[in-house]
Amino acid sequence: MTRLNIVLLLAVLASAMFLVRQQYESRRLFTELDKAVGEAHRIELEHERLEFEKRAQATPLRVEKLAREQLQMRTATPAITQYVRPQAAKGAAP
């Protein structure tokens, strides 16, 4: 009878240790999951901010301003437009 009690006591202790270990692992994994969800949210917000900045950088007014200031480009007007007339091919009838 004493041997059975010792074996049962060891089984209870082993299962208690296993349960404590599993609870610890569960809490650790939950903490990691919570951190990962927070990081995913932060990355999503950063992505949205960068998309907004990309759209803001590509507005027609900004592109025109950069073309004028940095590239010294100007708007085409009839006064500065040069028209090229097609030349007739050699030997072709006019």
PDB file of N, CA and C in Angstrom:
ATOM      1  N   MET A   1       0.815  -1.187   0.000  1.00  0.00           N
ATOM      2  CA  MET A   1       0.000   0.000   0.000  1.00  0.00           C
ATOM      3  C   MET A   1       0.865   1.260   0.000  1.00  0.00           C
ATOM      4  N   THR A   2       1.958   1.242   0.718  1.00  0.00           N
ATOM      5  CA  THR A   2       2.836   2.394   0.795  1.00  0.00           C
ATOM      6  C   THR A   2       3.454   2.692  -0.569  1.00  0.00           C
ATOM      7  N   ARG A   3       3.826   1.649  -1.287  1.00  0.00           N
ATOM      8  CA  ARG A   3       4.406   1.847  -2.624  1.00  0.00           C
ATOM      9  C   ARG A   3       3.402   2.511  -3.554  1.00  0.00           C
ATOM     10  N   LEU A   4       2.169   2.073  -3.478  1.00  0.00           N
ATOM     11  CA  LEU A   4       1.127   2.664  -4.317  1.00  0.00           C
ATOM     12  C   LEU A   4       0.944   4.139  -3.991  1.00  0.00           C
ATOM     13  N   ASN A   5       0.981   4.487  -2.703  1.00  0.00           N
ATOM     14  CA  ASN A   5       0.856   5.888  -2.303  1.00  0.00           C
ATOM     15  C   ASN A   5       2.027   6.720  -2.830  1.00  0.00           C
ATOM     16  N   ILE A   6       3.222   6.174  -2.764  1.00  0.00           N
ATOM     17  CA  ILE A   6       4.404   6.894  -3.254  1.00  0.00           C
ATOM     18  C   ILE A   6       4.316   7.087  -4.761  1.00  0.00           C
ATOM     19  N   VAL A   7       3.903   6.061  -5.460  1.00  0.00           N
ATOM     20  CA  VAL A   7       3.761   6.158  -6.924  1.00  0.00           C
ATOM     21  C   VAL A   7       2.699   7.181  -7.283  1.00  0.00           C
ATOM     22  N   LEU A   8       1.579   7.154  -6.589  1.00  0.00           N
ATOM     23  CA  LEU A   8       0.516   8.130  -6.837  1.00  0.00           C
ATOM     24  C   LEU A   8       0.976   9.544  -6.503  1.00  0.00           C
ATOM     25  N   LEU A   9       1.716   9.701  -5.395  1.00  0.00           N
ATOM     26  CA  LEU A   9       2.243  11.016  -5.027  1.00  0.00           C
ATOM     27  C   LEU A   9       3.193  11.536  -6.101  1.00  0.00           C
ATOM     28  N   LEU A  10       4.059  10.676  -6.609  1.00  0.00           N
ATOM     29  CA  LEU A  10       4.969  11.080  -7.689  1.00  0.00           C
ATOM     30  C   LEU A  10       4.196  11.448  -8.958  1.00  0.00           C
ATOM     31  N   ALA A  11       3.150  10.693  -9.245  1.00  0.00           N
ATOM     32  CA  ALA A  11       2.328  10.986 -10.426  1.00  0.00           C
ATOM     33  C   ALA A  11       1.639  12.339 -10.273  1.00  0.00           C
ATOM     34  N   VAL A  12       1.127  12.621  -9.085  1.00  0.00           N
ATOM     35  CA  VAL A  12       0.468  13.916  -8.833  1.00  0.00           C
ATOM     36  C   VAL A  12       1.485  15.045  -8.949  1.00  0.00           C
ATOM     37  N   LEU A  13       2.666  14.861  -8.359  1.00  0.00           N
ATOM     38  CA  LEU A  13       3.704  15.894  -8.452  1.00  0.00           C
ATOM     39  C   LEU A  13       4.140  16.121  -9.907  1.00  0.00           C
ATOM     40  N   ALA A  14       4.306  15.039 -10.649  1.00  0.00           N
ATOM     41  CA  ALA A  14       4.710  15.167 -12.053  1.00  0.00           C
ATOM     42  C   ALA A  14       3.631  15.884 -12.862  1.00  0.00           C
ATOM     43  N   SER A  15       2.377  15.525 -12.633  1.00  0.00           N
ATOM     44  CA  SER A  15       1.310  16.196 -13.385  1.00  0.00           C
ATOM     45  C   SER A  15       1.182  17.656 -12.964  1.00  0.00           C
ATOM     46  N   ALA A  16       1.422  17.958 -11.692  1.00  0.00           N
ATOM     47  CA  ALA A  16       1.377  19.351 -11.234  1.00  0.00           C
ATOM     48  C   ALA A  16       2.499  20.161 -11.883  1.00  0.00           C
ATOM     49  N   MET A  17       3.693  19.579 -11.944  1.00  0.00           N
ATOM     50  CA  MET A  17       4.817  20.273 -12.588  1.00  0.00           C
ATOM     51  C   MET A  17       4.541  20.476 -14.079  1.00  0.00           C
ATOM     52  N   PHE A  18       3.971  19.450 -14.713  1.00  0.00           N
ATOM     53  CA  PHE A  18       3.628  19.557 -16.131  1.00  0.00           C
ATOM     54  C   PHE A  18       2.599  20.661 -16.347  1.00  0.00           C
ATOM     55  N   LEU A  19       1.586  20.733 -15.458  1.00  0.00           N
ATOM     56  CA  LEU A  19       0.552  21.755 -15.565  1.00  0.00           C
ATOM     57  C   LEU A  19       1.135  23.154 -15.388  1.00  0.00           C
ATOM     58  N   VAL A  20       2.008  23.332 -14.414  1.00  0.00           N
ATOM     59  CA  VAL A  20       2.642  24.631 -14.191  1.00  0.00           C
ATOM     60  C   VAL A  20       3.456  25.034 -15.418  1.00  0.00           C
ATOM     61  N   ARG A  21       4.201  24.086 -15.975  1.00  0.00           N
ATOM     62  CA  ARG A  21       5.011  24.360 -17.170  1.00  0.00           C
ATOM     63  C   ARG A  21       4.127  24.759 -18.354  1.00  0.00           C
ATOM     64  N   GLN A  22       3.014  24.071 -18.532  1.00  0.00           N
ATOM     65  CA  GLN A  22       2.112  24.374 -19.641  1.00  0.00           C
ATOM     66  C   GLN A  22       1.474  25.757 -19.467  1.00  0.00           C
ATOM     67  N   GLN A  23       1.100  26.104 -18.244  1.00  0.00           N
ATOM     68  CA  GLN A  23       0.534  27.432 -18.001  1.00  0.00           C
ATOM     69  C   GLN A  23       1.564  28.520 -18.283  1.00  0.00           C
ATOM     70  N   TYR A  24       2.799  28.299 -17.858  1.00  0.00           N
ATOM     71  CA  TYR A  24       3.859  29.259 -18.119  1.00  0.00           C
ATOM     72  C   TYR A  24       4.061  29.434 -19.631  1.00  0.00           C
ATOM     73  N   GLU A  25       4.117  28.333 -20.357  1.00  0.00           N
ATOM     74  CA  GLU A  25       4.308  28.376 -21.811  1.00  0.00           C
ATOM     75  C   GLU A  25       3.132  29.069 -22.487  1.00  0.00           C
ATOM     76  N   SER A  26       1.929  28.809 -22.006  1.00  0.00           N
ATOM     77  CA  SER A  26       0.736  29.440 -22.557  1.00  0.00           C
ATOM     78  C   SER A  26       0.787  30.960 -22.366  1.00  0.00           C
ATOM     79  N   ARG A  27       1.171  31.401 -21.199  1.00  0.00           N
ATOM     80  CA  ARG A  27       1.275  32.848 -20.933  1.00  0.00           C
ATOM     81  C   ARG A  27       2.368  33.491 -21.779  1.00  0.00           C
ATOM     82  N   ARG A  28       3.477  32.788 -21.923  1.00  0.00           N
ATOM     83  CA  ARG A  28       4.565  33.316 -22.740  1.00  0.00           C
ATOM     84  C   ARG A  28       4.135  33.459 -24.202  1.00  0.00           C
ATOM     85  N   LEU A  29       3.461  32.452 -24.721  1.00  0.00           N
ATOM     86  CA  LEU A  29       2.990  32.513 -26.109  1.00  0.00           C
ATOM     87  C   LEU A  29       1.927  33.596 -26.290  1.00  0.00           C
ATOM     88  N   PHE A  30       1.051  33.762 -25.302  1.00  0.00           N
ATOM     89  CA  PHE A  30       0.045  34.812 -25.396  1.00  0.00           C
ATOM     90  C   PHE A  30       0.700  36.185 -25.412  1.00  0.00           C
ATOM     91  N   THR A  31       1.729  36.365 -24.609  1.00  0.00           N
ATOM     92  CA  THR A  31       2.453  37.637 -24.595  1.00  0.00           C
ATOM     93  C   THR A  31       3.116  37.891 -25.945  1.00  0.00           C
ATOM     94  N   GLU A  32       3.731  36.867 -26.528  1.00  0.00           N
ATOM     95  CA  GLU A  32       4.350  37.012 -27.848  1.00  0.00           C
ATOM     96  C   GLU A  32       3.306  37.344 -28.905  1.00  0.00           C
ATOM     97  N   LEU A  33       2.154  36.700 -28.828  1.00  0.00           N
ATOM     98  CA  LEU A  33       1.079  36.972 -29.778  1.00  0.00           C
ATOM     99  C   LEU A  33       0.604  38.411 -29.658  1.00  0.00           C
ATOM    100  N   ASP A  34       0.444  38.891 -28.444  1.00  0.00           N
ATOM    101  CA  ASP A  34       0.013  40.265 -28.215  1.00  0.00           C
ATOM    102  C   ASP A  34       1.033  41.250 -28.777  1.00  0.00           C
ATOM    103  N   LYS A  35       2.309  40.973 -28.582  1.00  0.00           N
ATOM    104  CA  LYS A  35       3.353  41.842 -29.141  1.00  0.00           C
ATOM    105  C   LYS A  35       3.317  41.823 -30.663  1.00  0.00           C
ATOM    106  N   ALA A  36       3.112  40.642 -31.247  1.00  0.00           N
ATOM    107  CA  ALA A  36       3.066  40.522 -32.705  1.00  0.00           C
ATOM    108  C   ALA A  36       1.869  41.268 -33.280  1.00  0.00           C
ATOM    109  N   VAL A  37       0.733  41.197 -32.615  1.00  0.00           N
ATOM    110  CA  VAL A  37      -0.453  41.919 -33.080  1.00  0.00           C
ATOM    111  C   VAL A  37      -0.199  43.424 -33.002  1.00  0.00           C
ATOM    112  N   GLY A  38       0.411  43.870 -31.928  1.00  0.00           N
ATOM    113  CA  GLY A  38       0.743  45.294 -31.802  1.00  0.00           C
ATOM    114  C   GLY A  38       1.716  45.746 -32.877  1.00  0.00           C
ATOM    115  N   GLU A  39       2.706  44.931 -33.163  1.00  0.00           N
ATOM    116  CA  GLU A  39       3.682  45.257 -34.208  1.00  0.00           C
ATOM    117  C   GLU A  39       3.015  45.283 -35.582  1.00  0.00           C
ATOM    118  N   ALA A  40       2.110  44.355 -35.834  1.00  0.00           N
ATOM    119  CA  ALA A  40       1.386  44.338 -37.108  1.00  0.00           C
ATOM    120  C   ALA A  40       0.538  45.601 -37.256  1.00  0.00           C
ATOM    121  N   HIS A  41      -0.091  46.027 -36.181  1.00  0.00           N
ATOM    122  CA  HIS A  41      -0.888  47.259 -36.219  1.00  0.00           C
ATOM    123  C   HIS A  41       0.007  48.465 -36.489  1.00  0.00           C
ATOM    124  N   ARG A  42       1.158  48.510 -35.835  1.00  0.00           N
ATOM    125  CA  ARG A  42       2.080  49.618 -36.042  1.00  0.00           C
ATOM    126  C   ARG A  42       2.568  49.657 -37.494  1.00  0.00           C
ATOM    127  N   ILE A  43       2.883  48.486 -38.035  1.00  0.00           N
ATOM    128  CA  ILE A  43       3.357  48.413 -39.422  1.00  0.00           C
ATOM    129  C   ILE A  43       2.247  48.827 -40.386  1.00  0.00           C
ATOM    130  N   GLU A  44       1.020  48.433 -40.101  1.00  0.00           N
ATOM    131  CA  GLU A  44      -0.107  48.821 -40.955  1.00  0.00           C
ATOM    132  C   GLU A  44      -0.303  50.336 -40.951  1.00  0.00           C
ATOM    133  N   LEU A  45      -0.195  50.953 -39.781  1.00  0.00           N
ATOM    134  CA  LEU A  45      -0.313  52.409 -39.696  1.00  0.00           C
ATOM    135  C   LEU A  45       0.824  53.096 -40.458  1.00  0.00           C
ATOM    136  N   GLU A  46       2.020  52.561 -40.336  1.00  0.00           N
ATOM    137  CA  GLU A  46       3.170  53.118 -41.063  1.00  0.00           C
ATOM    138  C   GLU A  46       2.969  52.997 -42.573  1.00  0.00           C
ATOM    139  N   HIS A  47       2.437  51.869 -43.002  1.00  0.00           N
ATOM    140  CA  HIS A  47       2.171  51.660 -44.427  1.00  0.00           C
ATOM    141  C   HIS A  47       1.142  52.681 -44.934  1.00  0.00           C
ATOM    142  N   GLU A  48       0.077  52.891 -44.169  1.00  0.00           N
ATOM    143  CA  GLU A  48      -0.933  53.882 -44.563  1.00  0.00           C
ATOM    144  C   GLU A  48      -0.326  55.274 -44.628  1.00  0.00           C
ATOM    145  N   ARG A  49       0.529  55.614 -43.669  1.00  0.00           N
ATOM    146  CA  ARG A  49       1.167  56.933 -43.669  1.00  0.00           C
ATOM    147  C   ARG A  49       2.061  57.102 -44.893  1.00  0.00           C
ATOM    148  N   LEU A  50       2.812  56.067 -45.214  1.00  0.00           N
ATOM    149  CA  LEU A  50       3.690  56.138 -46.385  1.00  0.00           C
ATOM    150  C   LEU A  50       2.894  56.216 -47.683  1.00  0.00           C
ATOM    151  N   GLU A  51       1.780  55.504 -47.761  1.00  0.00           N
ATOM    152  CA  GLU A  51       0.925  55.599 -48.950  1.00  0.00           C
ATOM    153  C   GLU A  51       0.373  57.020 -49.092  1.00  0.00           C
ATOM    154  N   PHE A  52      -0.027  57.629 -47.990  1.00  0.00           N
ATOM    155  CA  PHE A  52      -0.522  59.002 -48.024  1.00  0.00           C
ATOM    156  C   PHE A  52       0.571  59.952 -48.499  1.00  0.00           C
ATOM    157  N   GLU A  53       1.780  59.777 -47.970  1.00  0.00           N
ATOM    158  CA  GLU A  53       2.894  60.634 -48.396  1.00  0.00           C
ATOM    159  C   GLU A  53       3.202  60.443 -49.878  1.00  0.00           C
ATOM    160  N   LYS A  54       3.125  59.208 -50.347  1.00  0.00           N
ATOM    161  CA  LYS A  54       3.382  58.934 -51.761  1.00  0.00           C
ATOM    162  C   LYS A  54       2.361  59.647 -52.632  1.00  0.00           C
ATOM    163  N   ARG A  55       1.086  59.579 -52.249  1.00  0.00           N
ATOM    164  CA  ARG A  55       0.055  60.288 -53.018  1.00  0.00           C
ATOM    165  C   ARG A  55       0.267  61.795 -52.953  1.00  0.00           C
ATOM    166  N   ALA A  56       0.685  62.304 -51.800  1.00  0.00           N
ATOM    167  CA  ALA A  56       0.900  63.743 -51.655  1.00  0.00           C
ATOM    168  C   ALA A  56       2.081  64.207 -52.505  1.00  0.00           C
ATOM    169  N   GLN A  57       3.111  63.372 -52.651  1.00  0.00           N
ATOM    170  CA  GLN A  57       4.291  63.749 -53.426  1.00  0.00           C
ATOM    171  C   GLN A  57       4.017  63.760 -54.925  1.00  0.00           C
ATOM    172  N   ALA A  58       3.013  63.025 -55.365  1.00  0.00           N
ATOM    173  CA  ALA A  58       2.775  62.872 -56.798  1.00  0.00           C
ATOM    174  C   ALA A  58       1.645  63.764 -57.317  1.00  0.00           C
ATOM    175  N   THR A  59       1.259  64.779 -56.583  1.00  0.00           N
ATOM    176  CA  THR A  59       0.199  65.654 -57.070  1.00  0.00           C
ATOM    177  C   THR A  59       0.700  66.449 -58.270  1.00  0.00           C
ATOM    178  N   PRO A  60      -0.174  66.736 -59.229  1.00  0.00           N
ATOM    179  CA  PRO A  60       0.247  67.479 -60.422  1.00  0.00           C
ATOM    180  C   PRO A  60       0.863  68.844 -60.096  1.00  0.00           C
ATOM    181  N   LEU A  61       0.324  69.542 -59.108  1.00  0.00           N
ATOM    182  CA  LEU A  61       0.879  70.856 -58.764  1.00  0.00           C
ATOM    183  C   LEU A  61       2.305  70.741 -58.239  1.00  0.00           C
ATOM    184  N   ARG A  62       2.559  69.737 -57.426  1.00  0.00           N
ATOM    185  CA  ARG A  62       3.914  69.554 -56.895  1.00  0.00           C
ATOM    186  C   ARG A  62       4.882  69.175 -58.006  1.00  0.00           C
ATOM    187  N   VAL A  63       4.448  68.293 -58.907  1.00  0.00           N
ATOM    188  CA  VAL A  63       5.318  67.899 -60.016  1.00  0.00           C
ATOM    189  C   VAL A  63       5.634  69.102 -60.888  1.00  0.00           C
ATOM    190  N   GLU A  64       4.628  69.926 -61.163  1.00  0.00           N
ATOM    191  CA  GLU A  64       4.862  71.125 -61.980  1.00  0.00           C
ATOM    192  C   GLU A  64       5.802  72.092 -61.271  1.00  0.00           C
ATOM    193  N   LYS A  65       5.636  72.270 -59.974  1.00  0.00           N
ATOM    194  CA  LYS A  65       6.509  73.162 -59.208  1.00  0.00           C
ATOM    195  C   LYS A  65       7.958  72.675 -59.262  1.00  0.00           C
ATOM    196  N   LEU A  66       8.168  71.371 -59.069  1.00  0.00           N
ATOM    197  CA  LEU A  66       9.523  70.824 -59.137  1.00  0.00           C
ATOM    198  C   LEU A  66      10.111  70.970 -60.544  1.00  0.00           C
ATOM    199  N   ALA A  67       9.285  70.786 -61.558  1.00  0.00           N
ATOM    200  CA  ALA A  67       9.769  70.924 -62.933  1.00  0.00           C
ATOM    201  C   ALA A  67      10.215  72.360 -63.193  1.00  0.00           C
ATOM    202  N   ARG A  68       9.473  73.315 -62.694  1.00  0.00           N
ATOM    203  CA  ARG A  68       9.846  74.727 -62.889  1.00  0.00           C
ATOM    204  C   ARG A  68      11.106  75.097 -62.100  1.00  0.00           C
ATOM    205  N   GLU A  69      11.129  74.710 -60.821  1.00  0.00           N
ATOM    206  CA  GLU A  69      12.209  75.163 -59.949  1.00  0.00           C
ATOM    207  C   GLU A  69      13.507  74.385 -60.143  1.00  0.00           C
ATOM    208  N   GLN A  70      13.433  73.075 -60.159  1.00  0.00           N
ATOM    209  CA  GLN A  70      14.661  72.282 -60.192  1.00  0.00           C
ATOM    210  C   GLN A  70      15.142  71.996 -61.608  1.00  0.00           C
ATOM    211  N   LEU A  71      14.224  71.846 -62.538  1.00  0.00           N
ATOM    212  CA  LEU A  71      14.614  71.500 -63.903  1.00  0.00           C
ATOM    213  C   LEU A  71      14.545  72.687 -64.861  1.00  0.00           C
ATOM    214  N   GLN A  72      14.143  73.843 -64.352  1.00  0.00           N
ATOM    215  CA  GLN A  72      13.995  75.053 -65.150  1.00  0.00           C
ATOM    216  C   GLN A  72      13.152  74.805 -66.406  1.00  0.00           C
ATOM    217  N   MET A  73      12.087  74.061 -66.260  1.00  0.00           N
ATOM    218  CA  MET A  73      11.187  73.808 -67.376  1.00  0.00           C
ATOM    219  C   MET A  73      10.115  74.894 -67.389  1.00  0.00           C
ATOM    220  N   ARG A  74       9.490  75.080 -68.522  1.00  0.00           N
ATOM    221  CA  ARG A  74       8.416  76.059 -68.600  1.00  0.00           C
ATOM    222  C   ARG A  74       7.284  75.474 -69.440  1.00  0.00           C
ATOM    223  N   THR A  75       6.136  76.098 -69.302  1.00  0.00           N
ATOM    224  CA  THR A  75       4.958  75.628 -70.013  1.00  0.00           C
ATOM    225  C   THR A  75       5.096  75.942 -71.491  1.00  0.00           C
ATOM    226  N   ALA A  76       4.699  75.024 -72.327  1.00  0.00           N
ATOM    227  CA  ALA A  76       4.772  75.242 -73.775  1.00  0.00           C
ATOM    228  C   ALA A  76       3.665  76.202 -74.197  1.00  0.00           C
ATOM    229  N   THR A  77       4.045  77.217 -74.966  1.00  0.00           N
ATOM    230  CA  THR A  77       3.077  78.178 -75.504  1.00  0.00           C
ATOM    231  C   THR A  77       3.251  78.217 -77.015  1.00  0.00           C
ATOM    232  N   PRO A  78       2.244  78.719 -77.740  1.00  0.00           N
ATOM    233  CA  PRO A  78       2.383  78.804 -79.199  1.00  0.00           C
ATOM    234  C   PRO A  78       3.573  79.660 -79.630  1.00  0.00           C
ATOM    235  N   ALA A  79       3.963  80.616 -78.819  1.00  0.00           N
ATOM    236  CA  ALA A  79       5.075  81.489 -79.184  1.00  0.00           C
ATOM    237  C   ALA A  79       6.408  80.747 -79.208  1.00  0.00           C
ATOM    238  N   ILE A  80       6.565  79.723 -78.389  1.00  0.00           N
ATOM    239  CA  ILE A  80       7.849  79.016 -78.351  1.00  0.00           C
ATOM    240  C   ILE A  80       7.764  77.634 -78.984  1.00  0.00           C
ATOM    241  N   THR A  81       6.602  77.292 -79.502  1.00  0.00           N
ATOM    242  CA  THR A  81       6.426  75.978 -80.110  1.00  0.00           C
ATOM    243  C   THR A  81       6.963  75.993 -81.532  1.00  0.00           C
ATOM    244  N   GLN A  82       7.735  75.013 -81.863  1.00  0.00           N
ATOM    245  CA  GLN A  82       8.253  74.873 -83.226  1.00  0.00           C
ATOM    246  C   GLN A  82       7.559  73.674 -83.854  1.00  0.00           C
ATOM    247  N   TYR A  83       6.959  73.929 -85.008  1.00  0.00           N
ATOM    248  CA  TYR A  83       6.259  72.862 -85.713  1.00  0.00           C
ATOM    249  C   TYR A  83       7.172  72.300 -86.783  1.00  0.00           C
ATOM    250  N   VAL A  84       7.196  71.022 -86.917  1.00  0.00           N
ATOM    251  CA  VAL A  84       8.025  70.348 -87.908  1.00  0.00           C
ATOM    252  C   VAL A  84       7.101  69.860 -89.016  1.00  0.00           C
ATOM    253  N   ARG A  85       7.436  70.260 -90.227  1.00  0.00           N
ATOM    254  CA  ARG A  85       6.637  69.814 -91.366  1.00  0.00           C
ATOM    255  C   ARG A  85       7.242  68.534 -91.908  1.00  0.00           C
ATOM    256  N   PRO A  86       6.402  67.605 -92.268  1.00  0.00           N
ATOM    257  CA  PRO A  86       6.943  66.366 -92.826  1.00  0.00           C
ATOM    258  C   PRO A  86       7.539  66.643 -94.200  1.00  0.00           C
ATOM    259  N   GLN A  87       8.683  66.076 -94.455  1.00  0.00           N
ATOM    260  CA  GLN A  87       9.328  66.252 -95.760  1.00  0.00           C
ATOM    261  C   GLN A  87       8.855  65.151 -96.688  1.00  0.00           C
ATOM    262  N   ALA A  88       8.713  65.490 -97.938  1.00  0.00           N
ATOM    263  CA  ALA A  88       8.298  64.493 -98.919  1.00  0.00           C
ATOM    264  C   ALA A  88       9.449  63.558 -99.171  1.00  0.00           C
ATOM    265  N   ALA A  89       9.146  62.306 -99.358  1.00  0.00           N
ATOM    266  CA  ALA A  89      10.179  61.309 -99.624  1.00  0.00           C
ATOM    267  C   ALA A  89      10.807  61.581-100.978  1.00  0.00           C
ATOM    268  N   LYS A  90      12.084  61.282-101.129  1.00  0.00           N
ATOM    269  CA  LYS A  90      12.781  61.515-102.403  1.00  0.00           C
ATOM    270  C   LYS A  90      12.153  60.674-103.493  1.00  0.00           C
ATOM    271  N   GLY A  91      11.948  61.294-104.617  1.00  0.00           N
ATOM    272  CA  GLY A  91      11.379  60.593-105.768  1.00  0.00           C
ATOM    273  C   GLY A  91       9.864  60.474-105.687  1.00  0.00           C
ATOM    274  N   ALA A  92       9.258  60.971-104.676  1.00  0.00           N
ATOM    275  CA  ALA A  92       7.794  60.881-104.586  1.00  0.00           C
ATOM    276  C   ALA A  92       7.181  62.108-105.215  1.00  0.00           C
ATOM    277  N   ALA A  93       6.030  61.964-105.762  1.00  0.00           N
ATOM    278  CA  ALA A  93       5.324  63.086-106.405  1.00  0.00           C
ATOM    279  C   ALA A  93       4.789  64.014-105.337  1.00  0.00           C
ATOM    280  N   PRO A  94       4.916  65.355-105.551  1.00  0.00           N
ATOM    281  CA  PRO A  94       4.408  66.326-104.549  1.00  0.00           C
ATOM    282  C   PRO A  94       2.919  66.407-104.519  1.00  0.00           C
TER     283      PRO A  94
END
